[in-house]
Amino acid sequence: ALQVYPGPHAMADPTLTDRLAGIAPPTLVAWRASDEVVDID
């Protein structure tokens, strides 16, 4: 499943921020503060 989600770019999709900019509804991004795999930044 994890190989399907990000498409052909693995977990480094260079188009992600462009696509995120298209989100219109109010959005809460809840992130894991102590994630050692994907940094909080």
ModelCIF file with pLDDT and N, C-alpha, C, O atoms, coordinates in Angstrom:
data_MODEL
#
_entry.id   MODEL 
#
_entity.id                         1 
_entity.type                       polymer 
_entity.pdbx_number_of_molecules   1 
#
_entity_poly.entity_id                      1 
_entity_poly.type                           'polypeptide(L)' 
_entity_poly.nstd_linkage                   no 
_entity_poly.nstd_monomer                   no 
_entity_poly.pdbx_seq_one_letter_code       ALQVYPGPHAMADPTLTDRLAGIAPPTLVAWRASDEVVDID 
_entity_poly.pdbx_seq_one_letter_code_can   ALQVYPGPHAMADPTLTDRLAGIAPPTLVAWRASDEVVDID 
_entity_poly.pdbx_strand_id                 A 
#
loop_
_entity_poly_seq.entity_id 
_entity_poly_seq.num 
_entity_poly_seq.mon_id 
_entity_poly_seq.hetero 
1 1  ALA n 
1 2  LEU n 
1 3  GLN n 
1 4  VAL n 
1 5  TYR n 
1 6  PRO n 
1 7  GLY n 
1 8  PRO n 
1 9  HIS n 
1 10 ALA n 
1 11 MET n 
1 12 ALA n 
1 13 ASP n 
1 14 PRO n 
1 15 THR n 
1 16 LEU n 
1 17 THR n 
1 18 ASP n 
1 19 ARG n 
1 20 LEU n 
1 21 ALA n 
1 22 GLY n 
1 23 ILE n 
1 24 ALA n 
1 25 PRO n 
1 26 PRO n 
1 27 THR n 
1 28 LEU n 
1 29 VAL n 
1 30 ALA n 
1 31 TRP n 
1 32 ARG n 
1 33 ALA n 
1 34 SER n 
1 35 ASP n 
1 36 GLU n 
1 37 VAL n 
1 38 VAL n 
1 39 ASP n 
1 40 ILE n 
1 41 ASP n 
#
_struct_asym.id          A 
_struct_asym.entity_id   1 
#
loop_
_ma_qa_metric.id 
_ma_qa_metric.mode 
_ma_qa_metric.name 
_ma_qa_metric.software_group_id 
_ma_qa_metric.type 
1 global pLDDT . pLDDT 
2 local  pLDDT . pLDDT 
#
_ma_qa_metric_global.metric_id      1 
_ma_qa_metric_global.metric_value   80.54 
_ma_qa_metric_global.model_id       1 
_ma_qa_metric_global.ordinal_id     1 
#
loop_
_ma_qa_metric_local.label_asym_id 
_ma_qa_metric_local.label_comp_id 
_ma_qa_metric_local.label_seq_id 
_ma_qa_metric_local.metric_id 
_ma_qa_metric_local.metric_value 
_ma_qa_metric_local.model_id 
_ma_qa_metric_local.ordinal_id 
A ALA 1  2 70.00 1 1  
A LEU 2  2 66.00 1 2  
A GLN 3  2 67.00 1 3  
A VAL 4  2 68.00 1 4  
A TYR 5  2 62.00 1 5  
A PRO 6  2 60.00 1 6  
A GLY 7  2 60.00 1 7  
A PRO 8  2 61.00 1 8  
A HIS 9  2 60.00 1 9  
A ALA 10 2 61.00 1 10 
A MET 11 2 63.00 1 11 
A ALA 12 2 70.00 1 12 
A ASP 13 2 75.00 1 13 
A PRO 14 2 80.00 1 14 
A THR 15 2 82.00 1 15 
A LEU 16 2 84.00 1 16 
A THR 17 2 84.00 1 17 
A ASP 18 2 88.00 1 18 
A ARG 19 2 88.00 1 19 
A LEU 20 2 90.00 1 20 
A ALA 21 2 90.00 1 21 
A GLY 22 2 91.00 1 22 
A ILE 23 2 90.00 1 23 
A ALA 24 2 88.00 1 24 
A PRO 25 2 89.00 1 25 
A PRO 26 2 93.00 1 26 
A THR 27 2 95.00 1 27 
A LEU 28 2 96.00 1 28 
A VAL 29 2 94.00 1 29 
A ALA 30 2 92.00 1 30 
A TRP 31 2 91.00 1 31 
A ARG 32 2 88.00 1 32 
A ALA 33 2 87.00 1 33 
A SER 34 2 87.00 1 34 
A ASP 35 2 82.00 1 35 
A GLU 36 2 81.00 1 36 
A VAL 37 2 81.00 1 37 
A VAL 38 2 83.00 1 38 
A ASP 39 2 85.00 1 39 
A ILE 40 2 89.00 1 40 
A ASP 41 2 91.00 1 41 
#
loop_
_atom_site.group_PDB 
_atom_site.id 
_atom_site.type_symbol 
_atom_site.label_atom_id 
_atom_site.label_alt_id 
_atom_site.label_comp_id 
_atom_site.label_asym_id 
_atom_site.label_entity_id 
_atom_site.label_seq_id 
_atom_site.pdbx_PDB_ins_code 
_atom_site.Cartn_x 
_atom_site.Cartn_y 
_atom_site.Cartn_z 
_atom_site.occupancy 
_atom_site.B_iso_or_equiv 
_atom_site.pdbx_formal_charge 
_atom_site.auth_seq_id 
_atom_site.auth_comp_id 
_atom_site.auth_asym_id 
_atom_site.auth_atom_id 
_atom_site.pdbx_PDB_model_num 
ATOM 1   N N  . ALA A 1 1  ? 0.836   -1.208 0.000  1.00 70.00 ? 1  ALA A N  1 
ATOM 2   C CA . ALA A 1 1  ? 0.000   0.000  0.000  1.00 70.00 ? 1  ALA A CA 1 
ATOM 3   C C  . ALA A 1 1  ? 0.866   1.251  0.000  1.00 70.00 ? 1  ALA A C  1 
ATOM 4   O O  . ALA A 1 1  ? 0.570   2.202  -0.723 1.00 70.00 ? 1  ALA A O  1 
ATOM 5   N N  . LEU A 1 2  ? 1.919   1.267  0.789  1.00 66.00 ? 2  LEU A N  1 
ATOM 6   C CA . LEU A 1 2  ? 2.789   2.439  0.850  1.00 66.00 ? 2  LEU A CA 1 
ATOM 7   C C  . LEU A 1 2  ? 3.493   2.712  -0.475 1.00 66.00 ? 2  LEU A C  1 
ATOM 8   O O  . LEU A 1 2  ? 3.864   3.853  -0.750 1.00 66.00 ? 2  LEU A O  1 
ATOM 9   N N  . GLN A 1 3  ? 3.680   1.702  -1.284 1.00 67.00 ? 3  GLN A N  1 
ATOM 10  C CA . GLN A 1 3  ? 4.280   1.904  -2.601 1.00 67.00 ? 3  GLN A CA 1 
ATOM 11  C C  . GLN A 1 3  ? 3.276   2.506  -3.571 1.00 67.00 ? 3  GLN A C  1 
ATOM 12  O O  . GLN A 1 3  ? 3.671   3.124  -4.559 1.00 67.00 ? 3  GLN A O  1 
ATOM 13  N N  . VAL A 1 4  ? 1.990   2.340  -3.309 1.00 68.00 ? 4  VAL A N  1 
ATOM 14  C CA . VAL A 1 4  ? 0.948   2.868  -4.183 1.00 68.00 ? 4  VAL A CA 1 
ATOM 15  C C  . VAL A 1 4  ? 0.681   4.341  -3.892 1.00 68.00 ? 4  VAL A C  1 
ATOM 16  O O  . VAL A 1 4  ? 0.531   5.136  -4.820 1.00 68.00 ? 4  VAL A O  1 
ATOM 17  N N  . TYR A 1 5  ? 0.620   4.713  -2.621 1.00 62.00 ? 5  TYR A N  1 
ATOM 18  C CA . TYR A 1 5  ? 0.235   6.074  -2.236 1.00 62.00 ? 5  TYR A CA 1 
ATOM 19  C C  . TYR A 1 5  ? 1.034   7.172  -2.928 1.00 62.00 ? 5  TYR A C  1 
ATOM 20  O O  . TYR A 1 5  ? 0.429   8.056  -3.534 1.00 62.00 ? 5  TYR A O  1 
ATOM 21  N N  . PRO A 1 6  ? 2.363   7.157  -2.866 1.00 60.00 ? 6  PRO A N  1 
ATOM 22  C CA . PRO A 1 6  ? 3.108   8.303  -3.392 1.00 60.00 ? 6  PRO A CA 1 
ATOM 23  C C  . PRO A 1 6  ? 3.306   8.293  -4.893 1.00 60.00 ? 6  PRO A C  1 
ATOM 24  O O  . PRO A 1 6  ? 3.844   9.256  -5.439 1.00 60.00 ? 6  PRO A O  1 
ATOM 25  N N  . GLY A 1 7  ? 2.897   7.256  -5.571 1.00 60.00 ? 7  GLY A N  1 
ATOM 26  C CA . GLY A 1 7  ? 3.095   7.212  -7.018 1.00 60.00 ? 7  GLY A CA 1 
ATOM 27  C C  . GLY A 1 7  ? 4.542   6.906  -7.369 1.00 60.00 ? 7  GLY A C  1 
ATOM 28  O O  . GLY A 1 7  ? 5.242   6.250  -6.597 1.00 60.00 ? 7  GLY A O  1 
ATOM 29  N N  . PRO A 1 8  ? 4.998   7.375  -8.530 1.00 61.00 ? 8  PRO A N  1 
ATOM 30  C CA . PRO A 1 8  ? 6.317   6.982  -9.021 1.00 61.00 ? 8  PRO A CA 1 
ATOM 31  C C  . PRO A 1 8  ? 7.486   7.668  -8.324 1.00 61.00 ? 8  PRO A C  1 
ATOM 32  O O  . PRO A 1 8  ? 8.638   7.396  -8.662 1.00 61.00 ? 8  PRO A O  1 
ATOM 33  N N  . HIS A 1 9  ? 7.224   8.547  -7.364 1.00 60.00 ? 9  HIS A N  1 
ATOM 34  C CA . HIS A 1 9  ? 8.304   9.321  -6.751 1.00 60.00 ? 9  HIS A CA 1 
ATOM 35  C C  . HIS A 1 9  ? 8.731   8.793  -5.396 1.00 60.00 ? 9  HIS A C  1 
ATOM 36  O O  . HIS A 1 9  ? 9.415   9.500  -4.655 1.00 60.00 ? 9  HIS A O  1 
ATOM 37  N N  . ALA A 1 10 ? 8.353   7.584  -5.052 1.00 61.00 ? 10 ALA A N  1 
ATOM 38  C CA . ALA A 1 10 ? 8.627   7.031  -3.720 1.00 61.00 ? 10 ALA A CA 1 
ATOM 39  C C  . ALA A 1 10 ? 8.077   8.000  -2.682 1.00 61.00 ? 10 ALA A C  1 
ATOM 40  O O  . ALA A 1 10 ? 6.968   8.508  -2.847 1.00 61.00 ? 10 ALA A O  1 
ATOM 41  N N  . MET A 1 11 ? 8.819   8.263  -1.631 1.00 63.00 ? 11 MET A N  1 
ATOM 42  C CA . MET A 1 11 ? 8.324   9.165  -0.592 1.00 63.00 ? 11 MET A CA 1 
ATOM 43  C C  . MET A 1 11 ? 8.907   10.571 -0.753 1.00 63.00 ? 11 MET A C  1 
ATOM 44  O O  . MET A 1 11 ? 8.933   11.341 0.208  1.00 63.00 ? 11 MET A O  1 
ATOM 45  N N  . ALA A 1 12 ? 9.364   10.907 -1.934 1.00 70.00 ? 12 ALA A N  1 
ATOM 46  C CA . ALA A 1 12 ? 9.937   12.235 -2.190 1.00 70.00 ? 12 ALA A CA 1 
ATOM 47  C C  . ALA A 1 12 ? 9.273   12.839 -3.420 1.00 70.00 ? 12 ALA A C  1 
ATOM 48  O O  . ALA A 1 12 ? 9.949   13.131 -4.407 1.00 70.00 ? 12 ALA A O  1 
ATOM 49  N N  . ASP A 1 13 ? 7.981   13.025 -3.374 1.00 75.00 ? 13 ASP A N  1 
ATOM 50  C CA . ASP A 1 13 ? 7.219   13.511 -4.512 1.00 75.00 ? 13 ASP A CA 1 
ATOM 51  C C  . ASP A 1 13 ? 7.445   15.012 -4.700 1.00 75.00 ? 13 ASP A C  1 
ATOM 52  O O  . ASP A 1 13 ? 6.995   15.803 -3.871 1.00 75.00 ? 13 ASP A O  1 
ATOM 53  N N  . PRO A 1 14 ? 8.130   15.420 -5.765 1.00 80.00 ? 14 PRO A N  1 
ATOM 54  C CA . PRO A 1 14 ? 8.412   16.836 -5.983 1.00 80.00 ? 14 PRO A CA 1 
ATOM 55  C C  . PRO A 1 14 ? 7.166   17.658 -6.323 1.00 80.00 ? 14 PRO A C  1 
ATOM 56  O O  . PRO A 1 14 ? 7.227   18.887 -6.311 1.00 80.00 ? 14 PRO A O  1 
ATOM 57  N N  . THR A 1 15 ? 6.054   17.017 -6.619 1.00 82.00 ? 15 THR A N  1 
ATOM 58  C CA . THR A 1 15 ? 4.822   17.747 -6.952 1.00 82.00 ? 15 THR A CA 1 
ATOM 59  C C  . THR A 1 15 ? 3.884   17.901 -5.757 1.00 82.00 ? 15 THR A C  1 
ATOM 60  O O  . THR A 1 15 ? 2.813   18.495 -5.882 1.00 82.00 ? 15 THR A O  1 
ATOM 61  N N  . LEU A 1 16 ? 4.278   17.372 -4.609 1.00 84.00 ? 16 LEU A N  1 
ATOM 62  C CA . LEU A 1 16 ? 3.372   17.355 -3.458 1.00 84.00 ? 16 LEU A CA 1 
ATOM 63  C C  . LEU A 1 16 ? 2.940   18.752 -3.034 1.00 84.00 ? 16 LEU A C  1 
ATOM 64  O O  . LEU A 1 16 ? 1.742   18.989 -2.881 1.00 84.00 ? 16 LEU A O  1 
ATOM 65  N N  . THR A 1 17 ? 3.862   19.679 -2.838 1.00 84.00 ? 17 THR A N  1 
ATOM 66  C CA . THR A 1 17 ? 3.457   21.002 -2.349 1.00 84.00 ? 17 THR A CA 1 
ATOM 67  C C  . THR A 1 17 ? 2.557   21.714 -3.346 1.00 84.00 ? 17 THR A C  1 
ATOM 68  O O  . THR A 1 17 ? 1.657   22.450 -2.941 1.00 84.00 ? 17 THR A O  1 
ATOM 69  N N  . ASP A 1 18 ? 2.779   21.512 -4.647 1.00 88.00 ? 18 ASP A N  1 
ATOM 70  C CA . ASP A 1 18 ? 1.887   22.113 -5.645 1.00 88.00 ? 18 ASP A CA 1 
ATOM 71  C C  . ASP A 1 18 ? 0.469   21.569 -5.502 1.00 88.00 ? 18 ASP A C  1 
ATOM 72  O O  . ASP A 1 18 ? -0.503  22.318 -5.600 1.00 88.00 ? 18 ASP A O  1 
ATOM 73  N N  . ARG A 1 19 ? 0.357   20.271 -5.273 1.00 88.00 ? 19 ARG A N  1 
ATOM 74  C CA . ARG A 1 19 ? -0.969  19.667 -5.122 1.00 88.00 ? 19 ARG A CA 1 
ATOM 75  C C  . ARG A 1 19 ? -1.612  20.077 -3.812 1.00 88.00 ? 19 ARG A C  1 
ATOM 76  O O  . ARG A 1 19 ? -2.826  20.276 -3.760 1.00 88.00 ? 19 ARG A O  1 
ATOM 77  N N  . LEU A 1 20 ? -0.822  20.209 -2.749 1.00 90.00 ? 20 LEU A N  1 
ATOM 78  C CA . LEU A 1 20 ? -1.378  20.638 -1.466 1.00 90.00 ? 20 LEU A CA 1 
ATOM 79  C C  . LEU A 1 20 ? -1.951  22.046 -1.560 1.00 90.00 ? 20 LEU A C  1 
ATOM 80  O O  . LEU A 1 20 ? -2.933  22.366 -0.890 1.00 90.00 ? 20 LEU A O  1 
ATOM 81  N N  . ALA A 1 21 ? -1.346  22.880 -2.382 1.00 90.00 ? 21 ALA A N  1 
ATOM 82  C CA . ALA A 1 21 ? -1.821  24.260 -2.536 1.00 90.00 ? 21 ALA A CA 1 
ATOM 83  C C  . ALA A 1 21 ? -3.248  24.316 -3.078 1.00 90.00 ? 21 ALA A C  1 
ATOM 84  O O  . ALA A 1 21 ? -3.917  25.341 -2.943 1.00 90.00 ? 21 ALA A O  1 
ATOM 85  N N  . GLY A 1 22 ? -3.721  23.232 -3.689 1.00 91.00 ? 22 GLY A N  1 
ATOM 86  C CA . GLY A 1 22 ? -5.065  23.187 -4.246 1.00 91.00 ? 22 GLY A CA 1 
ATOM 87  C C  . GLY A 1 22 ? -6.137  22.796 -3.242 1.00 91.00 ? 22 GLY A C  1 
ATOM 88  O O  . GLY A 1 22 ? -7.317  22.757 -3.591 1.00 91.00 ? 22 GLY A O  1 
ATOM 89  N N  . ILE A 1 23 ? -5.755  22.505 -2.005 1.00 90.00 ? 23 ILE A N  1 
ATOM 90  C CA . ILE A 1 23 ? -6.737  22.126 -0.989 1.00 90.00 ? 23 ILE A CA 1 
ATOM 91  C C  . ILE A 1 23 ? -7.478  23.378 -0.533 1.00 90.00 ? 23 ILE A C  1 
ATOM 92  O O  . ILE A 1 23 ? -6.853  24.360 -0.131 1.00 90.00 ? 23 ILE A O  1 
ATOM 93  N N  . ALA A 1 24 ? -8.799  23.345 -0.596 1.00 88.00 ? 24 ALA A N  1 
ATOM 94  C CA . ALA A 1 24 ? -9.590  24.533 -0.279 1.00 88.00 ? 24 ALA A CA 1 
ATOM 95  C C  . ALA A 1 24 ? -10.263 24.510 1.093  1.00 88.00 ? 24 ALA A C  1 
ATOM 96  O O  . ALA A 1 24 ? -10.311 25.552 1.747  1.00 88.00 ? 24 ALA A O  1 
ATOM 97  N N  . PRO A 1 25 ? -10.785 23.373 1.562  1.00 89.00 ? 25 PRO A N  1 
ATOM 98  C CA . PRO A 1 25 ? -11.512 23.401 2.830  1.00 89.00 ? 25 PRO A CA 1 
ATOM 99  C C  . PRO A 1 25 ? -10.578 23.726 4.001  1.00 89.00 ? 25 PRO A C  1 
ATOM 100 O O  . PRO A 1 25 ? -9.363  23.567 3.882  1.00 89.00 ? 25 PRO A O  1 
ATOM 101 N N  . PRO A 1 26 ? -11.133 24.177 5.125  1.00 93.00 ? 26 PRO A N  1 
ATOM 102 C CA . PRO A 1 26 ? -10.289 24.360 6.311  1.00 93.00 ? 26 PRO A CA 1 
ATOM 103 C C  . PRO A 1 26 ? -9.551  23.055 6.614  1.00 93.00 ? 26 PRO A C  1 
ATOM 104 O O  . PRO A 1 26 ? -10.140 21.974 6.583  1.00 93.00 ? 26 PRO A O  1 
ATOM 105 N N  . THR A 1 27 ? -8.264  23.173 6.906  1.00 95.00 ? 27 THR A N  1 
ATOM 106 C CA . THR A 1 27 ? -7.431  21.978 7.043  1.00 95.00 ? 27 THR A CA 1 
ATOM 107 C C  . THR A 1 27 ? -6.599  22.025 8.311  1.00 95.00 ? 27 THR A C  1 
ATOM 108 O O  . THR A 1 27 ? -5.986  23.046 8.623  1.00 95.00 ? 27 THR A O  1 
ATOM 109 N N  . LEU A 1 28 ? -6.579  20.927 9.036  1.00 96.00 ? 28 LEU A N  1 
ATOM 110 C CA . LEU A 1 28 ? -5.710  20.757 10.189 1.00 96.00 ? 28 LEU A CA 1 
ATOM 111 C C  . LEU A 1 28 ? -4.696  19.688 9.823  1.00 96.00 ? 28 LEU A C  1 
ATOM 112 O O  . LEU A 1 28 ? -5.064  18.555 9.514  1.00 96.00 ? 28 LEU A O  1 
ATOM 113 N N  . VAL A 1 29 ? -3.429  20.044 9.858  1.00 94.00 ? 29 VAL A N  1 
ATOM 114 C CA . VAL A 1 29 ? -2.362  19.073 9.615  1.00 94.00 ? 29 VAL A CA 1 
ATOM 115 C C  . VAL A 1 29 ? -1.836  18.657 10.982 1.00 94.00 ? 29 VAL A C  1 
ATOM 116 O O  . VAL A 1 29 ? -1.120  19.415 11.635 1.00 94.00 ? 29 VAL A O  1 
ATOM 117 N N  . ALA A 1 30 ? -2.193  17.454 11.410 1.00 92.00 ? 30 ALA A N  1 
ATOM 118 C CA . ALA A 1 30 ? -1.727  16.910 12.686 1.00 92.00 ? 30 ALA A CA 1 
ATOM 119 C C  . ALA A 1 30 ? -0.515  16.045 12.377 1.00 92.00 ? 30 ALA A C  1 
ATOM 120 O O  . ALA A 1 30 ? -0.590  15.129 11.557 1.00 92.00 ? 30 ALA A O  1 
ATOM 121 N N  . TRP A 1 31 ? 0.608   16.338 13.039 1.00 91.00 ? 31 TRP A N  1 
ATOM 122 C CA . TRP A 1 31 ? 1.869   15.656 12.717 1.00 91.00 ? 31 TRP A CA 1 
ATOM 123 C C  . TRP A 1 31 ? 2.488   15.086 13.982 1.00 91.00 ? 31 TRP A C  1 
ATOM 124 O O  . TRP A 1 31 ? 2.334   15.643 15.069 1.00 91.00 ? 31 TRP A O  1 
ATOM 125 N N  . ARG A 1 32 ? 3.170   13.998 13.833 1.00 88.00 ? 32 ARG A N  1 
ATOM 126 C CA . ARG A 1 32 ? 3.820   13.317 14.942 1.00 88.00 ? 32 ARG A CA 1 
ATOM 127 C C  . ARG A 1 32 ? 5.058   14.100 15.390 1.00 88.00 ? 32 ARG A C  1 
ATOM 128 O O  . ARG A 1 32 ? 6.007   14.246 14.619 1.00 88.00 ? 32 ARG A O  1 
ATOM 129 N N  . ALA A 1 33 ? 5.056   14.598 16.618 1.00 87.00 ? 33 ALA A N  1 
ATOM 130 C CA . ALA A 1 33 ? 6.135   15.446 17.111 1.00 87.00 ? 33 ALA A CA 1 
ATOM 131 C C  . ALA A 1 33 ? 7.452   14.699 17.287 1.00 87.00 ? 33 ALA A C  1 
ATOM 132 O O  . ALA A 1 33 ? 8.518   15.310 17.213 1.00 87.00 ? 33 ALA A O  1 
ATOM 133 N N  . SER A 1 34 ? 7.398   13.402 17.517 1.00 87.00 ? 34 SER A N  1 
ATOM 134 C CA . SER A 1 34 ? 8.621   12.627 17.750 1.00 87.00 ? 34 SER A CA 1 
ATOM 135 C C  . SER A 1 34 ? 8.866   11.606 16.645 1.00 87.00 ? 34 SER A C  1 
ATOM 136 O O  . SER A 1 34 ? 9.458   10.555 16.891 1.00 87.00 ? 34 SER A O  1 
ATOM 137 N N  . ASP A 1 35 ? 8.421   11.904 15.444 1.00 82.00 ? 35 ASP A N  1 
ATOM 138 C CA . ASP A 1 35 ? 8.592   10.991 14.312 1.00 82.00 ? 35 ASP A CA 1 
ATOM 139 C C  . ASP A 1 35 ? 10.060  10.935 13.924 1.00 82.00 ? 35 ASP A C  1 
ATOM 140 O O  . ASP A 1 35 ? 10.655  11.962 13.598 1.00 82.00 ? 35 ASP A O  1 
ATOM 141 N N  . GLU A 1 36 ? 10.649  9.746  13.955 1.00 81.00 ? 36 GLU A N  1 
ATOM 142 C CA . GLU A 1 36 ? 12.051  9.579  13.591 1.00 81.00 ? 36 GLU A CA 1 
ATOM 143 C C  . GLU A 1 36 ? 12.211  9.162  12.132 1.00 81.00 ? 36 GLU A C  1 
ATOM 144 O O  . GLU A 1 36 ? 13.330  8.958  11.662 1.00 81.00 ? 36 GLU A O  1 
ATOM 145 N N  . VAL A 1 37 ? 11.086  9.034  11.412 1.00 81.00 ? 37 VAL A N  1 
ATOM 146 C CA . VAL A 1 37 ? 11.134  8.650  10.000 1.00 81.00 ? 37 VAL A CA 1 
ATOM 147 C C  . VAL A 1 37 ? 10.886  9.867  9.116  1.00 81.00 ? 37 VAL A C  1 
ATOM 148 O O  . VAL A 1 37 ? 11.632  10.116 8.169  1.00 81.00 ? 37 VAL A O  1 
ATOM 149 N N  . VAL A 1 38 ? 9.843   10.618 9.427  1.00 83.00 ? 38 VAL A N  1 
ATOM 150 C CA . VAL A 1 38 ? 9.500   11.816 8.659  1.00 83.00 ? 38 VAL A CA 1 
ATOM 151 C C  . VAL A 1 38 ? 9.518   13.005 9.619  1.00 83.00 ? 38 VAL A C  1 
ATOM 152 O O  . VAL A 1 38 ? 8.642   13.141 10.473 1.00 83.00 ? 38 VAL A O  1 
ATOM 153 N N  . ASP A 1 39 ? 10.511  13.850 9.470  1.00 85.00 ? 39 ASP A N  1 
ATOM 154 C CA . ASP A 1 39 ? 10.765  14.973 10.367 1.00 85.00 ? 39 ASP A CA 1 
ATOM 155 C C  . ASP A 1 39 ? 9.569   15.912 10.499 1.00 85.00 ? 39 ASP A C  1 
ATOM 156 O O  . ASP A 1 39 ? 8.811   16.106 9.549  1.00 85.00 ? 39 ASP A O  1 
ATOM 157 N N  . ILE A 1 40 ? 9.413   16.486 11.680 1.00 89.00 ? 40 ILE A N  1 
ATOM 158 C CA . ILE A 1 40 ? 8.305   17.415 11.940 1.00 89.00 ? 40 ILE A CA 1 
ATOM 159 C C  . ILE A 1 40 ? 8.380   18.635 11.024 1.00 89.00 ? 40 ILE A C  1 
ATOM 160 O O  . ILE A 1 40 ? 7.345   19.217 10.695 1.00 89.00 ? 40 ILE A O  1 
ATOM 161 N N  . ASP A 1 41 ? 9.575   19.032 10.608 1.00 91.00 ? 41 ASP A N  1 
ATOM 162 C CA . ASP A 1 41 ? 9.700   20.167 9.691  1.00 91.00 ? 41 ASP A CA 1 
ATOM 163 C C  . ASP A 1 41 ? 9.037   19.885 8.349  1.00 91.00 ? 41 ASP A C  1 
ATOM 164 O O  . ASP A 1 41 ? 9.051   20.738 7.462  1.00 91.00 ? 41 ASP A O  1 
#
